[in-house]
C-alpha atoms as a PDB file:
ATOM      1  CA  MET A   1     -39.753  -2.103 -47.216  1.00  0.00           C
ATOM      2  CA  VAL A   2     -37.156  -1.064 -44.721  1.00  0.00           C
ATOM      3  CA  PHE A   3     -34.599  -3.436 -43.294  1.00  0.00           C
ATOM      4  CA  LEU A   4     -33.790  -1.288 -40.282  1.00  0.00           C
ATOM      5  CA  ASN A   5     -36.594  -2.628 -38.133  1.00  0.00           C
ATOM      6  CA  ASN A   6     -35.423  -3.535 -34.642  1.00  0.00           C
ATOM      7  CA  ASP A   7     -38.514  -5.713 -34.187  1.00  0.00           C
ATOM      8  CA  ASN A   8     -37.523  -8.094 -36.973  1.00  0.00           C
ATOM      9  CA  PRO A   9     -36.424 -11.355 -35.325  1.00  0.00           C
ATOM     10  CA  ASN A  10     -35.126 -12.799 -38.623  1.00  0.00           C
ATOM     11  CA  TYR A  11     -32.115 -10.524 -39.055  1.00  0.00           C
ATOM     12  CA  SER A  12     -29.558  -8.960 -36.782  1.00  0.00           C
ATOM     13  CA  LYS A  13     -29.132  -5.199 -36.750  1.00  0.00           C
ATOM     14  CA  ALA A  14     -25.917  -5.594 -38.764  1.00  0.00           C
ATOM     15  CA  ASP A  15     -27.717  -7.714 -41.365  1.00  0.00           C
ATOM     16  CA  GLY A  16     -30.492  -5.139 -41.617  1.00  0.00           C
ATOM     17  CA  GLU A  17     -27.992  -2.324 -42.052  1.00  0.00           C
ATOM     18  CA  LEU A  18     -26.178  -4.276 -44.766  1.00  0.00           C
ATOM     19  CA  MET A  19     -29.371  -4.934 -46.707  1.00  0.00           C
ATOM     20  CA  GLN A  20     -30.558  -1.351 -46.226  1.00  0.00           C
ATOM     21  CA  ARG A  21     -27.309   0.033 -47.684  1.00  0.00           C
ATOM     22  CA  ALA A  22     -27.690  -2.269 -50.686  1.00  0.00           C
ATOM     23  CA  LEU A  23     -31.305  -1.181 -51.118  1.00  0.00           C
ATOM     24  CA  ASP A  24     -30.387   2.495 -50.894  1.00  0.00           C
ATOM     25  CA  ILE A  25     -27.661   2.093 -53.529  1.00  0.00           C
ATOM     26  CA  ALA A  26     -29.965   0.143 -55.850  1.00  0.00           C
ATOM     27  CA  ALA A  27     -32.784   2.666 -55.485  1.00  0.00           C
ATOM     28  CA  GLU A  28     -30.401   5.524 -56.224  1.00  0.00           C
ATOM     29  CA  ARG A  29     -29.131   3.786 -59.350  1.00  0.00           C
ATOM     30  CA  LEU A  30     -32.685   3.402 -60.610  1.00  0.00           C
ATOM     31  CA  SER A  31     -33.698   6.915 -59.468  1.00  0.00           C
ATOM     32  CA  ILE A  32     -36.397   5.568 -57.171  1.00  0.00           C
ATOM     33  CA  THR A  33     -37.047   8.181 -54.513  1.00  0.00           C
ATOM     34  CA  ASP A  34     -40.689   7.540 -53.614  1.00  0.00           C
ATOM     35  CA  GLU A  35     -40.927   5.137 -50.687  1.00  0.00           C
ATOM     36  CA  THR A  36     -44.369   4.038 -51.897  1.00  0.00           C
ATOM     37  CA  ASP A  37     -43.068   3.058 -55.351  1.00  0.00           C
ATOM     38  CA  ASP A  38     -43.809  -0.615 -56.018  1.00  0.00           C
ATOM     39  CA  GLU A  39     -40.366  -1.058 -57.543  1.00  0.00           C
ATOM     40  CA  LEU A  40     -38.769  -0.174 -54.209  1.00  0.00           C
ATOM     41  CA  SER A  41     -40.502  -3.190 -52.671  1.00  0.00           C
ATOM     42  CA  THR A  42     -39.351  -5.290 -55.604  1.00  0.00           C
ATOM     43  CA  LEU A  43     -35.784  -4.075 -55.120  1.00  0.00           C
ATOM     44  CA  ALA A  44     -35.985  -4.937 -51.440  1.00  0.00           C
ATOM     45  CA  ARG A  45     -37.151  -8.468 -52.232  1.00  0.00           C
ATOM     46  CA  PHE A  46     -34.218  -8.981 -54.598  1.00  0.00           C
ATOM     47  CA  VAL A  47     -31.769  -7.558 -52.060  1.00  0.00           C
ATOM     48  CA  ARG A  48     -33.146  -9.976 -49.481  1.00  0.00           C
ATOM     49  CA  ALA A  49     -32.908 -12.836 -51.987  1.00  0.00           C
ATOM     50  CA  ALA A  50     -29.240 -12.034 -52.589  1.00  0.00           C
ATOM     51  CA  PHE A  51     -28.676 -11.978 -48.832  1.00  0.00           C
ATOM     52  CA  ILE A  52     -30.485 -15.278 -48.317  1.00  0.00           C
ATOM     53  CA  ILE A  53     -28.305 -17.058 -50.860  1.00  0.00           C
ATOM     54  CA  GLY A  54     -25.245 -15.898 -48.955  1.00  0.00           C
ATOM     55  CA  ASN A  55     -24.205 -12.660 -50.613  1.00  0.00           C
ATOM     56  CA  ARG A  56     -22.798 -10.200 -48.061  1.00  0.00           C
ATOM     57  CA  ASP A  57     -21.268  -7.645 -50.428  1.00  0.00           C
ATOM     58  CA  VAL A  58     -23.318  -4.428 -50.528  1.00  0.00           C
ATOM     59  CA  GLU A  59     -22.318  -3.495 -54.077  1.00  0.00           C
ATOM     60  CA  SER A  60     -22.980  -6.988 -55.371  1.00  0.00           C
ATOM     61  CA  MET A  61     -26.412  -7.175 -53.721  1.00  0.00           C
ATOM     62  CA  ALA A  62     -27.338  -3.760 -55.141  1.00  0.00           C
ATOM     63  CA  LYS A  63     -26.173  -4.742 -58.612  1.00  0.00           C
ATOM     64  CA  PHE A  64     -28.119  -8.018 -58.438  1.00  0.00           C
ATOM     65  CA  ALA A  65     -31.305  -6.170 -57.443  1.00  0.00           C
ATOM     66  CA  VAL A  66     -30.898  -3.496 -60.129  1.00  0.00           C
ATOM     67  CA  LYS A  67     -30.341  -6.095 -62.855  1.00  0.00           C
ATOM     68  CA  ALA A  68     -33.372  -8.066 -61.707  1.00  0.00           C
ATOM     69  CA  VAL A  69     -35.610  -4.985 -61.804  1.00  0.00           C
ATOM     70  CA  LEU A  70     -34.306  -3.991 -65.238  1.00  0.00           C
ATOM     71  CA  VAL A  71     -35.041  -7.488 -66.567  1.00  0.00           C
ATOM     72  CA  ARG A  72     -38.492  -7.282 -65.038  1.00  0.00           C
ATOM     73  CA  ARG A  73     -39.119  -3.864 -66.614  1.00  0.00           C
ATOM     74  CA  LYS A  74     -38.029  -5.188 -69.998  1.00  0.00           C
ATOM     75  CA  SER A  75     -40.286  -8.234 -69.801  1.00  0.00           C
ATOM     76  CA  ARG A  76     -43.254  -6.083 -68.798  1.00  0.00           C
ATOM     77  CA  SER A  77     -42.682  -3.663 -71.663  1.00  0.00           C
ATOM     78  CA  LYS A  78     -43.060  -6.573 -74.111  1.00  0.00           C
ATOM     79  CA  ASP A  79     -46.608  -7.276 -72.905  1.00  0.00           C
END
């Protein structure tokens, strides 16, 4: 999922750029480089969730998304 879509009526360009930076940082921290990786979509959803609840700090949004994916990985490894 990419936030830099000019056709998205839900977010301004600045909002999209903010979320995209957070997504890029989070993906780098988790070494996700494949744009078709399911975890990239998961990261994007968590970045958007952080944004929706009012977070506007790129580092904080990235950290939130990374932690959420790591928790998710851990819970799936227990299955």
